[in-house]
Structure formats: C-alpha cells, structure tokens
Amino acid sequence: MTKPATHILGSYDRALDGALQVALVVGASLFVALCARVTLPLPFTPVPLTLQNFGVLLVGLTLGSRRGFVALALYLVEGVSGMPVFSPAGAGGVAQLLGATGGFLLAYPFVAGIAGWIMESGKRTFARAATAAVLAEVALFVGGLSWLAILTHSFAQAVRFGLYWFVFAEVIKVMSAAAIATGWQRAFKVRA
C-alpha cells in the first residue's frame, strides 16, 4: 500500500522545518561565539567587556524563548567541551565557568529565554524589545554578580568588578539588540 503524496510531502516539510530549526540554533550559538571574540580586557576587573551579551540578547529576541534557550545551552556545551567559543580573555572550558565570568555565562540560556518569552508575548515593537532586553539584562547581572559575590566574599566587590564599568556599554547593547530585532522582525516576519 502506498502513502498518499500529501503525506509524503508533509513528512518532507516537517524534516525541512526540523533541519531549519537545528541550523538556526547552531548558527545562533556560533554567532554568540563570534561576539565573544570581540573583547576588551579591563585592568581593574577580571570581567572583560565583550559583545557576548549583545549576541545573547539578539538571539533571544529574534529566535524566541525556546530556540534562544537551546542555542545558549548549546553554546555552553560547546565551551565546556573545549571549543574556543568563550571570550579569549578567560581560561576557557570548565575553568571559565568556575571563574569570574561563570555566573554571567551560566545565566545566558535564561537571559535568551526571558528576552524571547517577553518578545513573543505581544506585539513585537521596539518598546517591547527594549523592555525584554532590559529585564533579561537584570537576570544576567543577578547571575553574574551573585557568582562574583561568592568568589570575592563581598557583594560590594562583586558590584565593583561586574557592574559599574559595564552600565554604559550595556545600554548601547540593549538598544542595538532591540533595534536590530524589531527591524529583523518587520523585514522578514520571522516566526517565534
């Protein structure tokens, strides 16, 4: 007994859609890895200034909560397995997760998930994207500063190392990610 042509074409479409989803997730993890290569070590803090946060926000805002979360979880797996995806200013691998930037890195899947969830929960406007990015950044800094406070045994020191020097750059990253994501959504009508 042969299957109807519509059943075969439906299976083919699902396979293509699955392959596209995998390609988007892998591509997003590699995009964040490229953003991590743009780094500026700062002499007064063990946390470097990088474009990683921008990449994480953009991935979450454009791919949505589930794909964004999976892409950043894959990014962490790539880094832990020894692939050079983390900032070159760090030790790399598991050591980087246990170092000063570990809290930020471990928060990345949740940051992308939060940004994506807020973005996909309503009309995709610049204001929604900026709000999503700001709230996701709050989660990022809660994770990063908490880990720094554990390492330094001082919340004040954690704030000095991981917040003050980065506020201005983070505002630019948030606004840029929100503008690009809403422009991308308008231009290509990307599904979340």
C-alpha atoms as a PDB file:
ATOM      1  CA  MET A   1       0.000   0.000   0.000  1.00  0.00           C
ATOM      2  CA  THR A   2       1.479   3.376  -0.977  1.00  0.00           C
ATOM      3  CA  LYS A   3       1.175   6.553   1.046  1.00  0.00           C
ATOM      4  CA  PRO A   4      -0.662   9.498  -0.479  1.00  0.00           C
ATOM      5  CA  ALA A   5       1.532  12.242  -1.942  1.00  0.00           C
ATOM      6  CA  THR A   6       0.286  14.770   0.617  1.00  0.00           C
ATOM      7  CA  HIS A   7       1.503  12.563   3.474  1.00  0.00           C
ATOM      8  CA  ILE A   8       4.946  12.217   1.884  1.00  0.00           C
ATOM      9  CA  LEU A   9       5.166  15.970   1.207  1.00  0.00           C
ATOM     10  CA  GLY A  10       4.045  16.699   4.767  1.00  0.00           C
ATOM     11  CA  SER A  11       6.834  14.497   6.122  1.00  0.00           C
ATOM     12  CA  TYR A  12       9.318  16.222   3.824  1.00  0.00           C
ATOM     13  CA  ASP A  13       8.145  19.660   5.016  1.00  0.00           C
ATOM     14  CA  ARG A  14       8.498  18.610   8.662  1.00  0.00           C
ATOM     15  CA  ALA A  15      12.011  17.314   8.015  1.00  0.00           C
ATOM     16  CA  LEU A  16      12.967  20.568   6.297  1.00  0.00           C
ATOM     17  CA  ASP A  17      11.453  22.581   9.134  1.00  0.00           C
ATOM     18  CA  GLY A  18      13.377  20.472  11.680  1.00  0.00           C
ATOM     19  CA  ALA A  19      16.623  20.961   9.760  1.00  0.00           C
ATOM     20  CA  LEU A  20      15.970  24.709   9.620  1.00  0.00           C
ATOM     21  CA  GLN A  21      15.363  24.816  13.382  1.00  0.00           C
ATOM     22  CA  VAL A  22      18.628  22.956  14.055  1.00  0.00           C
ATOM     23  CA  ALA A  23      20.507  25.274  11.680  1.00  0.00           C
ATOM     24  CA  LEU A  24      19.066  28.353  13.419  1.00  0.00           C
ATOM     25  CA  VAL A  25      20.065  27.090  16.869  1.00  0.00           C
ATOM     26  CA  VAL A  26      23.582  26.056  15.822  1.00  0.00           C
ATOM     27  CA  GLY A  27      24.041  29.291  13.863  1.00  0.00           C
ATOM     28  CA  ALA A  28      22.890  31.329  16.866  1.00  0.00           C
ATOM     29  CA  SER A  29      25.375  29.588  19.177  1.00  0.00           C
ATOM     30  CA  LEU A  30      28.155  30.327  16.686  1.00  0.00           C
ATOM     31  CA  PHE A  31      27.011  33.951  16.395  1.00  0.00           C
ATOM     32  CA  VAL A  32      27.415  34.358  20.165  1.00  0.00           C
ATOM     33  CA  ALA A  33      30.857  32.715  19.892  1.00  0.00           C
ATOM     34  CA  LEU A  34      31.828  35.315  17.271  1.00  0.00           C
ATOM     35  CA  CYS A  35      30.553  38.094  19.522  1.00  0.00           C
ATOM     36  CA  ALA A  36      32.711  36.687  22.334  1.00  0.00           C
ATOM     37  CA  ARG A  37      35.804  37.206  20.187  1.00  0.00           C
ATOM     38  CA  VAL A  38      35.223  40.975  20.327  1.00  0.00           C
ATOM     39  CA  THR A  39      36.594  41.618  23.787  1.00  0.00           C
ATOM     40  CA  LEU A  40      38.324  44.345  25.723  1.00  0.00           C
ATOM     41  CA  PRO A  41      40.061  43.211  28.928  1.00  0.00           C
ATOM     42  CA  LEU A  42      39.837  45.876  31.619  1.00  0.00           C
ATOM     43  CA  PRO A  43      42.805  46.172  34.025  1.00  0.00           C
ATOM     44  CA  PHE A  44      40.656  46.927  37.084  1.00  0.00           C
ATOM     45  CA  THR A  45      38.269  43.953  36.852  1.00  0.00           C
ATOM     46  CA  PRO A  46      38.549  40.256  35.994  1.00  0.00           C
ATOM     47  CA  VAL A  47      35.409  40.584  33.830  1.00  0.00           C
ATOM     48  CA  PRO A  48      36.204  41.674  30.258  1.00  0.00           C
ATOM     49  CA  LEU A  49      33.970  43.905  28.147  1.00  0.00           C
ATOM     50  CA  THR A  50      32.645  41.771  25.266  1.00  0.00           C
ATOM     51  CA  LEU A  51      29.850  41.696  22.710  1.00  0.00           C
ATOM     52  CA  GLN A  52      28.599  38.350  24.075  1.00  0.00           C
ATOM     53  CA  ASN A  53      25.714  39.943  25.960  1.00  0.00           C
ATOM     54  CA  PHE A  54      24.596  41.704  22.783  1.00  0.00           C
ATOM     55  CA  GLY A  55      24.666  38.381  20.935  1.00  0.00           C
ATOM     56  CA  VAL A  56      22.689  36.642  23.669  1.00  0.00           C
ATOM     57  CA  LEU A  57      20.032  39.365  23.664  1.00  0.00           C
ATOM     58  CA  LEU A  58      19.755  39.374  19.879  1.00  0.00           C
ATOM     59  CA  VAL A  59      19.431  35.584  19.759  1.00  0.00           C
ATOM     60  CA  GLY A  60      16.679  35.619  22.381  1.00  0.00           C
ATOM     61  CA  LEU A  61      14.786  38.492  20.785  1.00  0.00           C
ATOM     62  CA  THR A  62      14.895  37.051  17.275  1.00  0.00           C
ATOM     63  CA  LEU A  63      14.632  33.298  17.853  1.00  0.00           C
ATOM     64  CA  GLY A  64      12.217  33.307  20.764  1.00  0.00           C
ATOM     65  CA  SER A  65      12.326  31.710  24.171  1.00  0.00           C
ATOM     66  CA  ARG A  66      12.744  28.018  23.332  1.00  0.00           C
ATOM     67  CA  ARG A  67      15.209  28.283  20.457  1.00  0.00           C
ATOM     68  CA  GLY A  68      17.096  31.056  22.251  1.00  0.00           C
ATOM     69  CA  PHE A  69      17.419  28.968  25.410  1.00  0.00           C
ATOM     70  CA  VAL A  70      18.551  25.894  23.447  1.00  0.00           C
ATOM     71  CA  ALA A  71      21.055  27.928  21.387  1.00  0.00           C
ATOM     72  CA  LEU A  72      22.714  29.303  24.521  1.00  0.00           C
ATOM     73  CA  ALA A  73      22.662  25.939  26.285  1.00  0.00           C
ATOM     74  CA  LEU A  74      24.430  24.557  23.199  1.00  0.00           C
ATOM     75  CA  TYR A  75      26.902  27.458  23.424  1.00  0.00           C
ATOM     76  CA  LEU A  76      27.774  26.434  26.997  1.00  0.00           C
ATOM     77  CA  VAL A  77      28.170  22.788  25.970  1.00  0.00           C
ATOM     78  CA  GLU A  78      30.484  23.878  23.147  1.00  0.00           C
ATOM     79  CA  GLY A  79      32.575  25.901  25.594  1.00  0.00           C
ATOM     80  CA  VAL A  80      32.762  23.198  28.258  1.00  0.00           C
ATOM     81  CA  SER A  81      33.762  20.641  25.619  1.00  0.00           C
ATOM     82  CA  GLY A  82      36.799  22.741  24.787  1.00  0.00           C
ATOM     83  CA  MET A  83      35.668  24.572  21.668  1.00  0.00           C
ATOM     84  CA  PRO A  84      37.085  28.136  21.636  1.00  0.00           C
ATOM     85  CA  VAL A  85      33.709  29.868  21.914  1.00  0.00           C
ATOM     86  CA  PHE A  86      34.173  31.792  25.155  1.00  0.00           C
ATOM     87  CA  SER A  87      35.953  35.124  25.402  1.00  0.00           C
ATOM     88  CA  PRO A  88      39.682  34.688  24.757  1.00  0.00           C
ATOM     89  CA  ALA A  89      40.340  36.775  27.888  1.00  0.00           C
ATOM     90  CA  GLY A  90      39.286  33.820  30.058  1.00  0.00           C
ATOM     91  CA  ALA A  91      40.752  30.423  30.846  1.00  0.00           C
ATOM     92  CA  GLY A  92      38.345  28.553  28.551  1.00  0.00           C
ATOM     93  CA  GLY A  93      36.375  25.367  29.141  1.00  0.00           C
ATOM     94  CA  VAL A  94      35.064  24.428  32.566  1.00  0.00           C
ATOM     95  CA  ALA A  95      37.648  26.710  34.193  1.00  0.00           C
ATOM     96  CA  GLN A  96      35.925  29.703  32.635  1.00  0.00           C
ATOM     97  CA  LEU A  97      32.588  28.644  34.136  1.00  0.00           C
ATOM     98  CA  LEU A  98      34.249  28.443  37.546  1.00  0.00           C
ATOM     99  CA  GLY A  99      35.995  31.803  37.121  1.00  0.00           C
ATOM    100  CA  ALA A 100      34.862  35.401  37.416  1.00  0.00           C
ATOM    101  CA  THR A 101      32.584  35.262  34.362  1.00  0.00           C
ATOM    102  CA  GLY A 102      30.947  31.930  35.233  1.00  0.00           C
ATOM    103  CA  GLY A 103      27.774  33.425  36.671  1.00  0.00           C
ATOM    104  CA  PHE A 104      27.233  35.505  33.558  1.00  0.00           C
ATOM    105  CA  LEU A 105      27.881  32.550  31.254  1.00  0.00           C
ATOM    106  CA  LEU A 106      25.574  30.198  33.151  1.00  0.00           C
ATOM    107  CA  ALA A 107      22.797  32.806  33.020  1.00  0.00           C
ATOM    108  CA  TYR A 108      22.949  33.081  29.214  1.00  0.00           C
ATOM    109  CA  PRO A 109      20.307  30.435  28.372  1.00  0.00           C
ATOM    110  CA  PHE A 110      17.902  32.051  30.828  1.00  0.00           C
ATOM    111  CA  VAL A 111      18.693  35.540  29.529  1.00  0.00           C
ATOM    112  CA  ALA A 112      17.881  34.484  25.961  1.00  0.00           C
ATOM    113  CA  GLY A 113      14.783  32.637  27.190  1.00  0.00           C
ATOM    114  CA  ILE A 114      13.477  35.652  29.110  1.00  0.00           C
ATOM    115  CA  ALA A 115      14.132  38.071  26.246  1.00  0.00           C
ATOM    116  CA  GLY A 116      12.463  35.709  23.781  1.00  0.00           C
ATOM    117  CA  TRP A 117       9.465  34.990  26.001  1.00  0.00           C
ATOM    118  CA  ILE A 118       8.721  38.673  26.570  1.00  0.00           C
ATOM    119  CA  MET A 119       9.201  39.465  22.884  1.00  0.00           C
ATOM    120  CA  GLU A 120       6.890  36.687  21.704  1.00  0.00           C
ATOM    121  CA  SER A 121       4.203  37.518  24.290  1.00  0.00           C
ATOM    122  CA  GLY A 122       2.820  40.534  22.460  1.00  0.00           C
ATOM    123  CA  LYS A 123       3.189  42.906  19.567  1.00  0.00           C
ATOM    124  CA  ARG A 124       6.816  42.998  18.504  1.00  0.00           C
ATOM    125  CA  THR A 125       7.643  46.661  18.874  1.00  0.00           C
ATOM    126  CA  PHE A 126      10.874  48.412  19.733  1.00  0.00           C
ATOM    127  CA  ALA A 127       9.485  49.258  23.199  1.00  0.00           C
ATOM    128  CA  ARG A 128       8.696  45.580  23.865  1.00  0.00           C
ATOM    129  CA  ALA A 129      12.126  44.509  22.592  1.00  0.00           C
ATOM    130  CA  ALA A 130      13.898  47.120  24.732  1.00  0.00           C
ATOM    131  CA  THR A 131      11.861  46.112  27.793  1.00  0.00           C
ATOM    132  CA  ALA A 132      12.601  42.447  27.143  1.00  0.00           C
ATOM    133  CA  ALA A 133      16.302  43.178  26.778  1.00  0.00           C
ATOM    134  CA  VAL A 134      16.445  45.268  29.966  1.00  0.00           C
ATOM    135  CA  LEU A 135      14.655  42.594  32.023  1.00  0.00           C
ATOM    136  CA  ALA A 136      16.884  39.902  30.541  1.00  0.00           C
ATOM    137  CA  GLU A 137      19.938  42.003  31.450  1.00  0.00           C
ATOM    138  CA  VAL A 138      18.674  42.199  35.032  1.00  0.00           C
ATOM    139  CA  ALA A 139      18.636  38.383  35.122  1.00  0.00           C
ATOM    140  CA  LEU A 140      22.128  38.352  33.582  1.00  0.00           C
ATOM    141  CA  PHE A 141      23.569  40.671  36.209  1.00  0.00           C
ATOM    142  CA  VAL A 142      21.808  38.900  39.072  1.00  0.00           C
ATOM    143  CA  GLY A 143      23.513  35.680  37.975  1.00  0.00           C
ATOM    144  CA  GLY A 144      26.874  37.284  37.270  1.00  0.00           C
ATOM    145  CA  LEU A 145      27.051  39.413  40.396  1.00  0.00           C
ATOM    146  CA  SER A 146      25.852  36.579  42.618  1.00  0.00           C
ATOM    147  CA  TRP A 147      28.665  34.364  41.376  1.00  0.00           C
ATOM    148  CA  LEU A 148      31.221  37.182  41.769  1.00  0.00           C
ATOM    149  CA  ALA A 149      29.980  37.772  45.332  1.00  0.00           C
ATOM    150  CA  ILE A 150      30.564  34.092  46.116  1.00  0.00           C
ATOM    151  CA  LEU A 151      34.079  34.236  44.645  1.00  0.00           C
ATOM    152  CA  THR A 152      35.063  37.527  46.300  1.00  0.00           C
ATOM    153  CA  HIS A 153      33.094  37.030  49.557  1.00  0.00           C
ATOM    154  CA  SER A 154      31.859  40.589  49.099  1.00  0.00           C
ATOM    155  CA  PHE A 155      28.789  41.903  47.329  1.00  0.00           C
ATOM    156  CA  ALA A 156      30.355  45.382  47.158  1.00  0.00           C
ATOM    157  CA  GLN A 157      33.447  43.966  45.455  1.00  0.00           C
ATOM    158  CA  ALA A 158      31.238  41.982  43.063  1.00  0.00           C
ATOM    159  CA  VAL A 159      29.420  45.170  42.071  1.00  0.00           C
ATOM    160  CA  ARG A 160      32.746  46.970  41.571  1.00  0.00           C
ATOM    161  CA  PHE A 161      34.067  44.134  39.393  1.00  0.00           C
ATOM    162  CA  GLY A 162      30.924  43.286  37.470  1.00  0.00           C
ATOM    163  CA  LEU A 163      28.575  46.252  37.208  1.00  0.00           C
ATOM    164  CA  TYR A 164      29.900  49.803  37.390  1.00  0.00           C
ATOM    165  CA  TRP A 165      32.247  49.569  34.419  1.00  0.00           C
ATOM    166  CA  PHE A 166      29.645  47.977  32.166  1.00  0.00           C
ATOM    167  CA  VAL A 167      26.447  50.020  32.536  1.00  0.00           C
ATOM    168  CA  PHE A 168      27.070  52.411  29.642  1.00  0.00           C
ATOM    169  CA  ALA A 169      28.085  49.610  27.260  1.00  0.00           C
ATOM    170  CA  GLU A 170      25.068  47.516  28.295  1.00  0.00           C
ATOM    171  CA  VAL A 171      22.678  50.370  27.493  1.00  0.00           C
ATOM    172  CA  ILE A 172      24.157  50.524  23.990  1.00  0.00           C
ATOM    173  CA  LYS A 173      23.915  46.714  23.621  1.00  0.00           C
ATOM    174  CA  VAL A 174      20.280  46.683  24.793  1.00  0.00           C
ATOM    175  CA  MET A 175      19.221  49.456  22.433  1.00  0.00           C
ATOM    176  CA  SER A 176      21.152  47.967  19.499  1.00  0.00           C
ATOM    177  CA  ALA A 177      19.744  44.472  20.032  1.00  0.00           C
ATOM    178  CA  ALA A 178      16.201  45.851  20.354  1.00  0.00           C
ATOM    179  CA  ALA A 179      16.548  47.947  17.184  1.00  0.00           C
ATOM    180  CA  ILE A 180      18.031  45.113  15.132  1.00  0.00           C
ATOM    181  CA  ALA A 181      15.489  42.569  16.400  1.00  0.00           C
ATOM    182  CA  THR A 182      12.483  44.748  15.614  1.00  0.00           C
ATOM    183  CA  GLY A 183      13.918  45.672  12.226  1.00  0.00           C
ATOM    184  CA  TRP A 184      14.547  41.999  11.502  1.00  0.00           C
ATOM    185  CA  GLN A 185      11.009  41.080  12.607  1.00  0.00           C
ATOM    186  CA  ARG A 186       9.493  43.737  10.351  1.00  0.00           C
ATOM    187  CA  ALA A 187      11.657  42.913   7.354  1.00  0.00           C
ATOM    188  CA  PHE A 188      11.415  39.140   7.406  1.00  0.00           C
ATOM    189  CA  LYS A 189       8.363  38.334   9.569  1.00  0.00           C
ATOM    190  CA  VAL A 190      10.391  35.692  11.436  1.00  0.00           C
ATOM    191  CA  ARG A 191       8.312  33.098  13.304  1.00  0.00           C
ATOM    192  CA  ALA A 192       8.986  32.734  17.021  1.00  0.00           C
END
